[in-house]
């Protein structure tokens, strides 16, 4: 079945959010690309969205942070099994019998045992919970927050999704490189892949986010940018997924980035009863193929990214409407990915 036969599911993904919201959905197989753009960058309806419009991508940022981890490991600057406790300032390691046992890899697979958020952040977030909950949590509060956190179960024992863990990973990587998150990501990933629209900078032009029809201010996450600070466009995210499905064709020849792109999609040891995890990406084995995906959300935006290696299929879906209980945008986008992967020809079939 050609991609044209899936235009209805592409439209269905776009229709699964607020009818007033801006939406960009891109679906791609090995031979074809379909792009749907609907709506405007804000409710004044003066500028239509395109595949170059920047959206806040929330937790999809975590996949970039994991790629940074793999790239730095490929350079020999650190190891995936390095202990977090060995890379934090004296006295900043988590408390408890298990506080010194979690690794960098476990931060990237949400198996470190760290909570979703540090308690100090939750307290500071309450006054702006529905607008910018992370904004008041400053970078200098990360180490005290970590030192005040107790890991209660053995790392690796279960999956516990942790914004704290992913943000901490980003902080540890920037400490190793002696720079900030945006600069490190630009040098190691964004520039080598030609991702000009992607950055954590809230001051650059972007769509205006909305929650329940009301505009939201730009998302700020100063202390934990590796967990959810990035903005990106459908064009950049599609090329990012192309790099994950074809490292040799997209990353510079002989670069450590090629090795890192392969590393992040390798399945890790699975926690009992948990999902199949790679470095940040969720891996799901279906009867005829395997898909990888990650979603993201801020108060005013929702994002889905997903791909299959064989068949080579990629889906990017962005909207400037925040998640709600009735919003099925992520689910519809995931179903689009599954449908494309199910019907696209595989490399094995083409070579038989």
Protein backbone atom coordinates (compact mmCIF):
# COMPACT_ATOMS: atom_id res chain seq x y z
CA UNK A 1 0.00 0.00 0.00
CA UNK A 2 1.34 3.46 -0.91
CA UNK A 3 1.51 6.39 1.48
CA UNK A 4 -1.36 7.97 -0.43
CA UNK A 5 -3.54 5.22 0.94
CA UNK A 6 -2.82 6.49 4.46
CA UNK A 7 -3.77 10.13 3.96
CA UNK A 8 -6.99 9.48 5.86
CA UNK A 9 -5.08 8.34 9.00
CA UNK A 10 -2.82 11.40 8.62
CA UNK A 11 -5.91 13.60 8.61
CA UNK A 12 -7.33 11.62 11.53
CA UNK A 13 -4.22 12.35 13.60
CA UNK A 14 -4.59 16.06 12.82
CA UNK A 15 -8.28 15.94 13.73
CA UNK A 16 -7.61 14.37 17.14
CA UNK A 17 -6.93 17.71 18.83
CA UNK A 18 -8.66 21.06 19.33
CA UNK A 19 -10.20 22.15 16.02
CA UNK A 20 -8.81 25.67 16.56
CA UNK A 21 -5.26 24.44 17.16
CA UNK A 22 -2.38 24.57 14.73
CA UNK A 23 -1.28 21.11 13.62
CA UNK A 24 1.58 19.74 11.52
CA UNK A 25 1.64 16.02 10.76
CA UNK A 26 4.32 14.44 8.58
CA UNK A 27 4.37 10.77 7.58
CA UNK A 28 7.17 9.23 5.57
CA UNK A 29 8.02 5.84 4.14
CA UNK A 30 11.15 4.89 2.23
CA UNK A 31 9.76 6.40 -0.98
CA UNK A 32 7.09 8.95 -0.09
CA UNK A 33 6.41 11.84 2.28
CA UNK A 34 3.02 13.35 3.14
CA UNK A 35 2.76 16.63 5.07
CA UNK A 36 -0.40 18.17 6.49
CA UNK A 37 -0.28 21.72 7.90
CA UNK A 38 -3.41 23.24 9.45
CA UNK A 39 -3.99 26.47 11.31
CA UNK A 40 -1.97 29.46 12.41
CA UNK A 41 0.90 30.20 14.76
CA UNK A 42 -1.53 32.00 17.09
CA UNK A 43 -5.23 32.81 17.28
CA UNK A 44 -4.83 36.12 15.39
CA UNK A 45 -4.68 33.99 12.23
CA UNK A 46 -2.02 36.15 10.59
CA UNK A 47 0.67 33.51 9.97
CA UNK A 48 -0.07 29.98 8.83
CA UNK A 49 2.01 27.16 10.28
CA UNK A 50 4.48 25.36 8.03
CA UNK A 51 6.90 22.50 8.46
CA UNK A 52 9.44 25.13 9.65
CA UNK A 53 7.25 26.47 12.50
CA UNK A 54 8.81 25.86 15.90
CA UNK A 55 6.74 24.04 18.53
CA UNK A 56 7.66 23.18 22.11
CA UNK A 57 8.36 19.44 22.07
CA UNK A 58 8.44 18.76 25.82
CA UNK A 59 9.68 15.30 26.72
CA UNK A 60 10.83 14.45 23.20
CA UNK A 61 13.81 16.50 24.41
CA UNK A 62 14.77 13.42 26.46
CA UNK A 63 15.63 11.52 23.28
CA UNK A 64 18.14 14.23 22.35
CA UNK A 65 19.63 14.09 25.85
CA UNK A 66 19.99 10.31 25.54
CA UNK A 67 21.67 10.77 22.16
CA UNK A 68 24.13 13.18 23.78
CA UNK A 69 24.87 10.53 26.40
CA UNK A 70 25.54 7.91 23.72
CA UNK A 71 27.69 10.32 21.71
CA UNK A 72 29.83 11.25 24.69
CA UNK A 73 30.19 7.56 25.56
CA UNK A 74 31.28 6.84 21.98
CA UNK A 75 33.99 9.50 22.39
CA UNK A 76 35.18 7.85 25.60
CA UNK A 77 34.34 10.90 27.71
CA UNK A 78 32.19 8.77 30.00
CA UNK A 79 30.59 5.33 30.24
CA UNK A 80 26.95 4.35 30.24
CA UNK A 81 27.50 2.41 33.46
CA UNK A 82 29.18 5.29 35.28
CA UNK A 83 27.60 5.81 38.69
CA UNK A 84 25.71 9.04 39.17
CA UNK A 85 27.28 9.32 42.63
CA UNK A 86 30.73 9.49 41.04
CA UNK A 87 29.77 12.50 38.92
CA UNK A 88 28.05 14.79 41.39
CA UNK A 89 29.63 17.18 43.91
CA UNK A 90 30.54 15.76 47.34
CA UNK A 91 27.45 15.27 49.46
CA UNK A 92 25.03 15.60 46.51
CA UNK A 93 24.36 11.89 45.89
CA UNK A 94 20.83 10.61 46.63
CA UNK A 95 20.19 9.22 50.09
CA UNK A 96 19.42 5.67 51.14
CA UNK A 97 21.05 2.30 50.67
CA UNK A 98 20.52 2.49 46.92
CA UNK A 99 21.45 6.15 46.44
CA UNK A 100 24.95 5.40 45.21
CA UNK A 101 24.03 2.61 42.81
CA UNK A 102 22.14 4.21 39.89
CA UNK A 103 23.96 4.74 36.59
CA UNK A 104 23.82 7.23 33.74
CA UNK A 105 22.13 4.60 31.57
CA UNK A 106 19.43 4.10 34.19
CA UNK A 107 18.72 7.84 34.14
CA UNK A 108 18.10 7.50 30.39
CA UNK A 109 15.82 4.46 30.78
CA UNK A 110 13.81 5.73 33.78
CA UNK A 111 15.04 2.86 35.95
CA UNK A 112 17.21 4.88 38.35
CA UNK A 113 14.61 4.92 41.14
CA UNK A 114 14.50 8.72 41.21
CA UNK A 115 11.02 10.27 41.59
CA UNK A 116 9.27 12.07 38.75
CA UNK A 117 10.15 15.43 40.29
CA UNK A 118 12.13 16.55 43.33
CA UNK A 119 9.91 17.62 46.21
CA UNK A 120 11.54 21.06 46.29
CA UNK A 121 10.50 21.66 42.69
CA UNK A 122 6.91 20.63 43.40
CA UNK A 123 6.68 23.16 46.23
CA UNK A 124 8.03 25.99 44.08
CA UNK A 125 5.84 24.96 41.14
CA UNK A 126 2.44 25.23 42.80
CA UNK A 127 1.89 28.99 42.22
CA UNK A 128 2.40 28.56 38.45
CA UNK A 129 1.38 24.92 38.02
CA UNK A 130 -0.86 25.56 35.00
CA UNK A 131 1.52 27.91 33.22
CA UNK A 132 5.22 27.42 34.00
CA UNK A 133 5.71 24.97 36.87
CA UNK A 134 9.48 24.58 36.36
CA UNK A 135 10.30 28.27 35.98
CA UNK A 136 11.06 29.03 39.65
CA UNK A 137 13.33 26.04 40.17
CA UNK A 138 16.79 27.51 39.60
CA UNK A 139 19.88 25.57 38.45
CA UNK A 140 21.63 26.02 41.80
CA UNK A 141 18.86 24.02 43.50
CA UNK A 142 19.56 20.78 41.61
CA UNK A 143 22.33 19.43 43.85
CA UNK A 144 20.53 20.16 47.16
CA UNK A 145 17.37 18.60 45.71
CA UNK A 146 19.29 15.48 44.68
CA UNK A 147 20.96 15.21 48.09
CA UNK A 148 17.55 15.38 49.72
CA UNK A 149 16.10 12.59 47.57
CA UNK A 150 15.96 9.01 48.81
CA UNK A 151 16.07 6.11 46.34
CA UNK A 152 13.93 3.46 47.98
CA UNK A 153 14.27 0.55 45.56
CA UNK A 154 17.24 -1.02 43.79
CA UNK A 155 18.00 0.82 40.52
CA UNK A 156 16.87 -1.28 37.59
CA UNK A 157 14.08 -2.94 39.56
CA UNK A 158 11.27 -1.07 37.85
CA UNK A 159 10.47 1.69 35.37
CA UNK A 160 9.48 4.95 37.00
CA UNK A 161 9.22 7.80 34.51
CA UNK A 162 11.37 10.60 35.89
CA UNK A 163 11.69 14.13 34.60
CA UNK A 164 14.14 14.64 37.45
CA UNK A 165 16.32 11.78 36.21
CA UNK A 166 16.38 12.97 32.60
CA UNK A 167 17.05 16.54 33.64
CA UNK A 168 19.81 15.39 35.97
CA UNK A 169 21.36 13.42 33.11
CA UNK A 170 21.44 16.57 30.99
CA UNK A 171 23.07 18.46 33.85
CA UNK A 172 25.75 15.79 34.32
CA UNK A 173 26.56 15.83 30.60
CA UNK A 174 26.97 19.60 30.54
CA UNK A 175 29.12 19.47 33.67
CA UNK A 176 31.39 16.96 31.91
CA UNK A 177 31.61 19.17 28.81
CA UNK A 178 31.91 22.41 30.84
CA UNK A 179 29.21 24.18 28.84
CA UNK A 180 25.45 24.70 28.77
CA UNK A 181 22.85 22.30 27.39
CA UNK A 182 22.02 24.26 24.24
CA UNK A 183 25.65 24.79 23.27
CA UNK A 184 26.57 21.15 23.85
CA UNK A 185 23.59 19.88 21.88
CA UNK A 186 24.27 22.30 19.04
CA UNK A 187 27.89 21.18 18.72
CA UNK A 188 27.40 17.43 19.09
CA UNK A 189 23.99 16.78 17.45
CA UNK A 190 22.13 19.72 15.93
CA UNK A 191 24.82 21.16 13.67
CA UNK A 192 26.15 17.77 12.47
CA UNK A 193 22.59 16.76 11.50
CA UNK A 194 21.65 20.16 10.07
CA UNK A 195 18.83 20.81 12.55
CA UNK A 196 18.64 24.59 12.29
CA UNK A 197 15.18 25.02 13.84
CA UNK A 198 15.91 23.14 17.08
CA UNK A 199 17.08 24.79 20.30
CA UNK A 200 16.05 25.35 23.93
CA UNK A 201 15.85 29.12 23.40
CA UNK A 202 12.38 30.43 24.38
CA UNK A 203 13.13 33.82 22.82
CA UNK A 204 13.18 32.66 19.21
CA UNK A 205 9.99 32.80 17.11
CA UNK A 206 7.61 29.89 17.76
CA UNK A 207 3.94 29.06 17.71
CA UNK A 208 1.90 30.22 20.71
CA UNK A 209 0.81 27.37 22.93
CA UNK A 210 -2.76 27.01 24.19
CA UNK A 211 -4.45 25.15 27.02
CA UNK A 212 -8.23 24.87 26.98
CA UNK A 213 -8.27 27.56 24.31
CA UNK A 214 -6.21 30.06 26.31
CA UNK A 215 -2.71 31.18 25.28
CA UNK A 216 0.18 29.96 27.43
CA UNK A 217 3.54 31.71 27.96
CA UNK A 218 6.70 30.10 26.55
CA UNK A 219 7.78 27.04 28.55
CA UNK A 220 10.71 27.62 30.90
CA UNK A 221 12.74 24.85 32.52
CA UNK A 222 16.04 26.48 33.55
CA UNK A 223 17.37 23.83 35.95
CA UNK A 224 16.48 20.68 34.00
CA UNK A 225 16.56 21.57 30.27
CA UNK A 226 17.51 18.03 29.28
CA UNK A 227 14.07 16.85 30.40
CA UNK A 228 11.94 19.11 28.22
CA UNK A 229 13.28 22.48 27.07
CA UNK A 230 13.61 22.02 23.30
CA UNK A 231 11.64 23.67 20.54
CA UNK A 232 11.72 22.19 17.06
CA UNK A 233 9.97 22.05 13.71
CA UNK A 234 8.41 19.17 11.80
CA UNK A 235 11.18 19.54 9.21
CA UNK A 236 13.92 19.13 11.82
CA UNK A 237 12.21 16.30 13.66
CA UNK A 238 11.65 14.39 10.43
CA UNK A 239 15.33 14.68 9.57
CA UNK A 240 16.18 13.60 13.12
CA UNK A 241 14.11 10.45 12.66
CA UNK A 242 15.77 9.88 9.29
CA UNK A 243 19.12 9.95 11.06
CA UNK A 244 17.91 7.34 13.55
CA UNK A 245 16.74 5.05 10.75
CA UNK A 246 19.75 5.73 8.48
CA UNK A 247 22.79 6.88 10.48
CA UNK A 248 25.23 6.30 7.62
CA UNK A 249 23.18 8.44 5.25
CA UNK A 250 22.60 11.36 7.64
CA UNK A 251 25.49 11.63 10.12
CA UNK A 252 29.01 12.73 9.13
CA UNK A 253 31.28 9.95 7.95
CA UNK A 254 33.39 8.40 10.69
CA UNK A 255 31.70 10.45 13.41
CA UNK A 256 30.89 9.25 16.90
CA UNK A 257 27.37 10.49 16.22
CA UNK A 258 26.80 7.56 13.85
CA UNK A 259 27.64 5.10 16.60
CA UNK A 260 25.42 7.04 19.03
CA UNK A 261 22.42 6.96 16.68
CA UNK A 262 22.71 3.18 16.56
CA UNK A 263 23.26 2.88 20.31
CA UNK A 264 20.11 4.70 21.40
CA UNK A 265 17.80 2.22 19.64
CA UNK A 266 19.42 -0.86 21.15
CA UNK A 267 17.08 -2.51 23.68
CA UNK A 268 18.34 -2.36 27.24
CA UNK A 269 17.76 -4.78 30.07
CA UNK A 270 14.05 -4.79 30.76
CA UNK A 271 12.70 -4.05 34.24
CA UNK A 272 10.20 -6.68 35.45
CA UNK A 273 6.76 -5.88 34.07
CA UNK A 274 7.97 -2.70 32.39
CA UNK A 275 7.93 -1.61 28.74
CA UNK A 276 10.75 -2.38 26.34
CA UNK A 277 13.14 0.53 26.68
CA UNK A 278 16.04 1.87 24.71
CA UNK A 279 17.92 5.03 25.67
CA UNK A 280 14.86 7.26 26.16
CA UNK A 281 12.89 5.69 23.29
CA UNK A 282 10.12 3.19 24.00
CA UNK A 283 10.44 0.09 21.84
CA UNK A 284 7.38 -1.99 21.06
CA UNK A 285 7.63 -5.32 19.24
CA UNK A 286 4.51 -6.00 17.18
CA UNK A 287 3.73 -9.21 15.26
CA UNK A 288 5.27 -8.02 11.98
CA UNK A 289 7.55 -5.12 12.94
CA UNK A 290 9.09 -3.07 15.75
CA UNK A 291 8.27 0.58 16.39
CA UNK A 292 10.03 3.20 18.50
CA UNK A 293 8.28 6.28 19.83
CA UNK A 294 8.26 9.12 22.32
CA UNK A 295 5.66 11.78 23.03
CA UNK A 296 6.02 15.14 24.70
CA UNK A 297 3.89 17.88 26.18
CA UNK A 298 4.18 21.27 27.79
CA UNK A 299 1.26 23.32 29.10
CA UNK A 300 0.49 24.54 25.58
CA UNK A 301 1.85 21.92 23.16
CA UNK A 302 1.64 18.20 22.38
CA UNK A 303 4.15 16.23 20.29
CA UNK A 304 4.53 12.71 18.94
CA UNK A 305 7.58 11.24 17.21
CA UNK A 306 7.87 7.64 16.10
CA UNK A 307 9.66 5.43 13.62
CA UNK A 308 10.34 1.92 12.43
CA UNK A 309 13.74 0.71 11.21
CA UNK A 310 12.47 -2.00 8.87
CA UNK A 311 10.31 -0.93 7.19
CA UNK A 312 11.75 2.58 7.28
CA UNK A 313 8.77 4.64 8.44
CA UNK A 314 8.70 7.98 10.28
CA UNK A 315 5.89 10.03 11.84
CA UNK A 316 6.05 13.52 13.36
CA UNK A 317 2.95 15.19 14.80
CA UNK A 318 2.91 18.62 16.45
CA UNK A 319 0.12 20.80 17.79
CA UNK A 320 -0.01 24.01 19.81
CA UNK A 321 -2.68 22.64 22.12
CA UNK A 322 -1.73 21.19 25.48
CA UNK A 323 -2.77 17.69 26.56
CA UNK A 324 -6.24 17.10 28.02
CA UNK A 325 -8.13 13.99 29.11
CA UNK A 326 -10.17 14.06 25.90
CA UNK A 327 -7.29 14.80 23.55
CA UNK A 328 -6.35 11.71 21.53
CA UNK A 329 -3.63 13.36 19.46
CA UNK A 330 -0.79 11.14 20.68
CA UNK A 331 -2.86 7.95 20.38
CA UNK A 332 -4.01 8.81 16.85
CA UNK A 333 -0.43 9.58 15.83
CA UNK A 334 0.78 6.28 17.26
CA UNK A 335 -1.92 4.42 15.34
CA UNK A 336 -0.76 6.19 12.17
CA UNK A 337 2.79 4.96 12.82
CA UNK A 338 1.56 1.40 13.35
CA UNK A 339 -0.55 1.45 10.19
CA UNK A 340 2.30 2.73 8.04
CA UNK A 341 4.78 0.23 9.46
CA UNK A 342 2.34 -2.63 8.99
CA UNK A 343 1.82 -1.99 5.29
CA UNK A 344 5.16 -0.60 4.10
CA UNK A 345 7.48 -3.11 2.38
CA UNK A 346 10.46 -4.21 4.43
CA UNK A 347 14.04 -4.36 3.23
CA UNK A 348 13.90 -8.12 3.71
CA UNK A 349 10.86 -8.40 1.44
CA UNK A 350 12.42 -6.16 -1.21
CA UNK A 351 15.59 -8.24 -1.22
CA UNK A 352 13.88 -11.62 -1.41
